[in-house]
Amino acid sequence: MTYHNTKNSGFSLIEVLLYTLFVSFIIGGVLIAAYNMIEGTESNSENIVMQSEANFLIRKIEWGLSGARNVIVSGSNQILTIDKWGIGVDGGSFEPDLIFKFDSGNLSINGGSGDIVLNSDFIEVSSSSFEYDSGSGEVKASFYVGEYPFETIRYIRK
């Protein structure tokens, strides 16, 4: 009497190919998701730096305007000259204490010791202007950093 083993153990070639394909799809999906997360983090980091730089420029302009008694906007709205109360011994005449200037993609300040660029080399300030309404005392500074607009408005007390 001869016995034949009819039970086949193991995987067929089709099963191996299907499992390999399934694992390949899973690994590919994980790699694509990881790549997108890394790219998104880098983009967010650049936006955070840009926002921080723009906020610094706005705060510096607001600081310059605090305590201002007189301002002049000149140079095609690119230069803001500020005379502050209690600074200097000008005897009531207009002696500029601070000068803000938009020039060549930078915002600079001059407090008597030469121009100092306020923004870093990583950003460029564009479409910038200062406006002053002497009737209401409103001083407005607006500019773009990258594609994002920024603006601040302050009022000079008379």
C-alpha atoms as a PDB file:
ATOM      1  CA  MET A   1       0.000   0.000   0.000  1.00  0.00           C
ATOM      2  CA  THR A   2       1.394   3.360  -0.995  1.00  0.00           C
ATOM      3  CA  TYR A   3       0.347   6.629   0.496  1.00  0.00           C
ATOM      4  CA  HIS A   4       0.481   9.856  -1.451  1.00  0.00           C
ATOM      5  CA  ASN A   5       0.867  13.132   0.406  1.00  0.00           C
ATOM      6  CA  THR A   6      -1.809  15.389  -1.080  1.00  0.00           C
ATOM      7  CA  LYS A   7      -1.349  18.221   1.417  1.00  0.00           C
ATOM      8  CA  ASN A   8       0.810  21.040  -0.011  1.00  0.00           C
ATOM      9  CA  SER A   9       2.232  23.442   2.542  1.00  0.00           C
ATOM     10  CA  GLY A  10       3.721  26.914   1.828  1.00  0.00           C
ATOM     11  CA  PHE A  11       2.776  29.805  -0.394  1.00  0.00           C
ATOM     12  CA  SER A  12       2.103  29.825  -4.071  1.00  0.00           C
ATOM     13  CA  LEU A  13       3.959  32.210  -6.342  1.00  0.00           C
ATOM     14  CA  ILE A  14       0.835  34.375  -6.785  1.00  0.00           C
ATOM     15  CA  GLU A  15       0.428  34.761  -3.017  1.00  0.00           C
ATOM     16  CA  VAL A  16       4.061  35.839  -2.621  1.00  0.00           C
ATOM     17  CA  LEU A  17       3.677  38.414  -5.397  1.00  0.00           C
ATOM     18  CA  LEU A  18       0.446  39.796  -3.889  1.00  0.00           C
ATOM     19  CA  TYR A  19       1.990  40.160  -0.411  1.00  0.00           C
ATOM     20  CA  THR A  20       5.098  41.800  -1.884  1.00  0.00           C
ATOM     21  CA  LEU A  21       2.920  44.273  -3.785  1.00  0.00           C
ATOM     22  CA  PHE A  22       0.880  45.007  -0.656  1.00  0.00           C
ATOM     23  CA  VAL A  23       3.998  45.685   1.460  1.00  0.00           C
ATOM     24  CA  SER A  24       5.451  47.862  -1.325  1.00  0.00           C
ATOM     25  CA  PHE A  25       2.316  50.041  -1.328  1.00  0.00           C
ATOM     26  CA  ILE A  26       2.498  50.461   2.442  1.00  0.00           C
ATOM     27  CA  ILE A  27       6.191  51.416   2.388  1.00  0.00           C
ATOM     28  CA  GLY A  28       5.612  53.816  -0.535  1.00  0.00           C
ATOM     29  CA  GLY A  29       2.738  55.516   1.312  1.00  0.00           C
ATOM     30  CA  VAL A  30       4.837  55.934   4.447  1.00  0.00           C
ATOM     31  CA  LEU A  31       7.709  57.452   2.429  1.00  0.00           C
ATOM     32  CA  ILE A  32       5.389  59.906   0.650  1.00  0.00           C
ATOM     33  CA  ALA A  33       3.787  60.959   3.946  1.00  0.00           C
ATOM     34  CA  ALA A  34       7.209  61.463   5.574  1.00  0.00           C
ATOM     35  CA  TYR A  35       8.433  63.546   2.625  1.00  0.00           C
ATOM     36  CA  ASN A  36       5.336  65.767   2.742  1.00  0.00           C
ATOM     37  CA  MET A  37       5.733  66.307   6.490  1.00  0.00           C
ATOM     38  CA  ILE A  38       9.375  67.323   6.078  1.00  0.00           C
ATOM     39  CA  GLU A  39       8.552  69.743   3.246  1.00  0.00           C
ATOM     40  CA  GLY A  40       5.648  71.224   5.219  1.00  0.00           C
ATOM     41  CA  THR A  41       7.839  71.791   8.252  1.00  0.00           C
ATOM     42  CA  GLU A  42      10.448  73.616   6.172  1.00  0.00           C
ATOM     43  CA  SER A  43       7.806  75.854   4.585  1.00  0.00           C
ATOM     44  CA  ASN A  44       6.274  76.644   7.986  1.00  0.00           C
ATOM     45  CA  SER A  45       9.701  77.479   9.361  1.00  0.00           C
ATOM     46  CA  GLU A  46      10.310  79.990   6.545  1.00  0.00           C
ATOM     47  CA  ASN A  47       6.900  81.603   7.167  1.00  0.00           C
ATOM     48  CA  ILE A  48       7.614  81.881  10.889  1.00  0.00           C
ATOM     49  CA  VAL A  49      10.951  83.604  10.225  1.00  0.00           C
ATOM     50  CA  MET A  50       9.287  85.990   7.750  1.00  0.00           C
ATOM     51  CA  GLN A  51       6.480  86.812  10.193  1.00  0.00           C
ATOM     52  CA  SER A  52       8.951  87.366  13.036  1.00  0.00           C
ATOM     53  CA  GLU A  53      11.096  89.697  10.948  1.00  0.00           C
ATOM     54  CA  ALA A  54       8.078  91.730   9.813  1.00  0.00           C
ATOM     55  CA  ASN A  55       6.769  92.002  13.377  1.00  0.00           C
ATOM     56  CA  PHE A  56      10.180  93.227  14.510  1.00  0.00           C
ATOM     57  CA  LEU A  57      10.156  95.949  11.826  1.00  0.00           C
ATOM     58  CA  ILE A  58       6.633  97.029  12.790  1.00  0.00           C
ATOM     59  CA  ARG A  59       7.542  97.198  16.491  1.00  0.00           C
ATOM     60  CA  LYS A  60      10.666  99.223  15.714  1.00  0.00           C
ATOM     61  CA  ILE A  61       8.634 101.747  13.698  1.00  0.00           C
ATOM     62  CA  GLU A  62       6.059 101.944  16.500  1.00  0.00           C
ATOM     63  CA  TRP A  63       8.854 102.483  19.026  1.00  0.00           C
ATOM     64  CA  GLY A  64      10.247 105.292  16.884  1.00  0.00           C
ATOM     65  CA  LEU A  65       6.850 106.960  16.693  1.00  0.00           C
ATOM     66  CA  SER A  66       6.186 106.754  20.429  1.00  0.00           C
ATOM     67  CA  GLY A  67       6.677 110.185  21.922  1.00  0.00           C
ATOM     68  CA  ALA A  68       7.034 111.843  18.508  1.00  0.00           C
ATOM     69  CA  ARG A  69       6.089 115.496  18.360  1.00  0.00           C
ATOM     70  CA  ASN A  70       6.610 116.021  14.664  1.00  0.00           C
ATOM     71  CA  VAL A  71       7.145 113.826  11.597  1.00  0.00           C
ATOM     72  CA  ILE A  72       7.999 114.460   7.988  1.00  0.00           C
ATOM     73  CA  VAL A  73       7.515 111.997   5.141  1.00  0.00           C
ATOM     74  CA  SER A  74       9.779 112.591   2.143  1.00  0.00           C
ATOM     75  CA  GLY A  75      11.630 110.849  -0.638  1.00  0.00           C
ATOM     76  CA  SER A  76       8.567 109.530  -2.496  1.00  0.00           C
ATOM     77  CA  ASN A  77       7.137 108.262   0.807  1.00  0.00           C
ATOM     78  CA  GLN A  78      10.279 106.217   1.476  1.00  0.00           C
ATOM     79  CA  ILE A  79      11.745 108.312   4.332  1.00  0.00           C
ATOM     80  CA  LEU A  80      10.140 108.998   7.722  1.00  0.00           C
ATOM     81  CA  THR A  81      11.874 111.668   9.800  1.00  0.00           C
ATOM     82  CA  ILE A  82      10.837 111.842  13.468  1.00  0.00           C
ATOM     83  CA  ASP A  83      11.404 114.580  16.048  1.00  0.00           C
ATOM     84  CA  LYS A  84      10.739 113.212  19.539  1.00  0.00           C
ATOM     85  CA  TRP A  85       9.795 115.035  22.709  1.00  0.00           C
ATOM     86  CA  GLY A  86      12.560 115.301  25.253  1.00  0.00           C
ATOM     87  CA  ILE A  87      15.399 114.142  23.027  1.00  0.00           C
ATOM     88  CA  GLY A  88      18.157 116.540  22.110  1.00  0.00           C
ATOM     89  CA  VAL A  89      18.554 120.204  22.980  1.00  0.00           C
ATOM     90  CA  ASP A  90      17.131 121.740  19.849  1.00  0.00           C
ATOM     91  CA  GLY A  91      15.310 124.619  21.576  1.00  0.00           C
ATOM     92  CA  GLY A  92      12.038 124.000  19.762  1.00  0.00           C
ATOM     93  CA  SER A  93      13.423 123.813  16.217  1.00  0.00           C
ATOM     94  CA  PHE A  94      13.016 120.655  14.136  1.00  0.00           C
ATOM     95  CA  GLU A  95      16.087 118.525  14.639  1.00  0.00           C
ATOM     96  CA  PRO A  96      15.462 114.942  13.489  1.00  0.00           C
ATOM     97  CA  ASP A  97      16.051 112.394  16.205  1.00  0.00           C
ATOM     98  CA  LEU A  98      15.249 109.292  14.135  1.00  0.00           C
ATOM     99  CA  ILE A  99      15.116 108.671  10.414  1.00  0.00           C
ATOM    100  CA  PHE A 100      13.538 105.497   9.016  1.00  0.00           C
ATOM    101  CA  LYS A 101      14.265 104.752   5.379  1.00  0.00           C
ATOM    102  CA  PHE A 102      13.065 102.086   2.935  1.00  0.00           C
ATOM    103  CA  ASP A 103      15.869 101.511   0.432  1.00  0.00           C
ATOM    104  CA  SER A 104      16.924  98.605  -1.803  1.00  0.00           C
ATOM    105  CA  GLY A 105      14.770  96.004  -0.062  1.00  0.00           C
ATOM    106  CA  ASN A 106      15.816  97.079   3.438  1.00  0.00           C
ATOM    107  CA  LEU A 107      14.423  99.178   6.265  1.00  0.00           C
ATOM    108  CA  SER A 108      17.110 101.202   7.997  1.00  0.00           C
ATOM    109  CA  ILE A 109      17.156 103.558  10.959  1.00  0.00           C
ATOM    110  CA  ASN A 110      19.469 106.464  11.618  1.00  0.00           C
ATOM    111  CA  GLY A 111      19.647 107.913  15.093  1.00  0.00           C
ATOM    112  CA  GLY A 112      22.649 110.119  14.400  1.00  0.00           C
ATOM    113  CA  SER A 113      25.316 107.448  14.069  1.00  0.00           C
ATOM    114  CA  GLY A 114      24.679 106.326  10.503  1.00  0.00           C
ATOM    115  CA  ASP A 115      22.186 104.010   8.849  1.00  0.00           C
ATOM    116  CA  ILE A 116      21.577 100.659  10.519  1.00  0.00           C
ATOM    117  CA  VAL A 117      19.680  98.020   8.517  1.00  0.00           C
ATOM    118  CA  LEU A 118      16.932  96.552  10.689  1.00  0.00           C
ATOM    119  CA  ASN A 119      15.930  93.501   8.654  1.00  0.00           C
ATOM    120  CA  SER A 120      18.126  90.451   8.151  1.00  0.00           C
ATOM    121  CA  ASP A 121      19.580  89.315   4.853  1.00  0.00           C
ATOM    122  CA  PHE A 122      16.968  86.519   4.688  1.00  0.00           C
ATOM    123  CA  ILE A 123      14.063  88.818   3.851  1.00  0.00           C
ATOM    124  CA  GLU A 124      13.433  91.638   1.418  1.00  0.00           C
ATOM    125  CA  VAL A 125      11.110  94.524   2.185  1.00  0.00           C
ATOM    126  CA  SER A 126       9.150  95.630  -0.892  1.00  0.00           C
ATOM    127  CA  SER A 127       6.247  97.896  -1.922  1.00  0.00           C
ATOM    128  CA  SER A 128       6.965 100.042   1.097  1.00  0.00           C
ATOM    129  CA  SER A 129       5.725 103.496   1.991  1.00  0.00           C
ATOM    130  CA  PHE A 130       5.183 105.950   4.813  1.00  0.00           C
ATOM    131  CA  GLU A 131       2.156 108.249   4.902  1.00  0.00           C
ATOM    132  CA  TYR A 132       1.410 111.141   7.224  1.00  0.00           C
ATOM    133  CA  ASP A 133      -1.884 113.006   7.592  1.00  0.00           C
ATOM    134  CA  SER A 134      -1.067 116.200   9.480  1.00  0.00           C
ATOM    135  CA  GLY A 135      -4.760 116.916  10.098  1.00  0.00           C
ATOM    136  CA  SER A 136      -5.460 113.755  12.070  1.00  0.00           C
ATOM    137  CA  GLY A 137      -1.853 113.067  13.103  1.00  0.00           C
ATOM    138  CA  GLU A 138      -2.040 109.608  11.510  1.00  0.00           C
ATOM    139  CA  VAL A 139       1.253 108.000  10.502  1.00  0.00           C
ATOM    140  CA  LYS A 140       0.979 104.825   8.446  1.00  0.00           C
ATOM    141  CA  ALA A 141       3.829 102.504   7.495  1.00  0.00           C
ATOM    142  CA  SER A 142       3.102  99.700   5.047  1.00  0.00           C
ATOM    143  CA  PHE A 143       5.329  97.163   3.332  1.00  0.00           C
ATOM    144  CA  TYR A 144       5.481  93.630   1.977  1.00  0.00           C
ATOM    145  CA  VAL A 145       7.742  90.874   3.188  1.00  0.00           C
ATOM    146  CA  GLY A 146       7.645  88.162   0.576  1.00  0.00           C
ATOM    147  CA  GLU A 147       4.062  88.027  -0.631  1.00  0.00           C
ATOM    148  CA  TYR A 148       2.541  89.112   2.679  1.00  0.00           C
ATOM    149  CA  PRO A 149       1.460  92.707   3.451  1.00  0.00           C
ATOM    150  CA  PHE A 150       2.183  94.383   6.789  1.00  0.00           C
ATOM    151  CA  GLU A 151       0.968  97.713   8.085  1.00  0.00           C
ATOM    152  CA  THR A 152       0.956  99.786  11.238  1.00  0.00           C
ATOM    153  CA  ILE A 153      -0.870 103.015  12.035  1.00  0.00           C
ATOM    154  CA  ARG A 154       0.020 105.370  14.871  1.00  0.00           C
ATOM    155  CA  TYR A 155      -1.276 108.807  15.842  1.00  0.00           C
ATOM    156  CA  ILE A 156       0.919 111.733  16.836  1.00  0.00           C
ATOM    157  CA  ARG A 157      -0.381 113.800  19.734  1.00  0.00           C
ATOM    158  CA  LYS A 158      -0.522 117.493  19.075  1.00  0.00           C
END
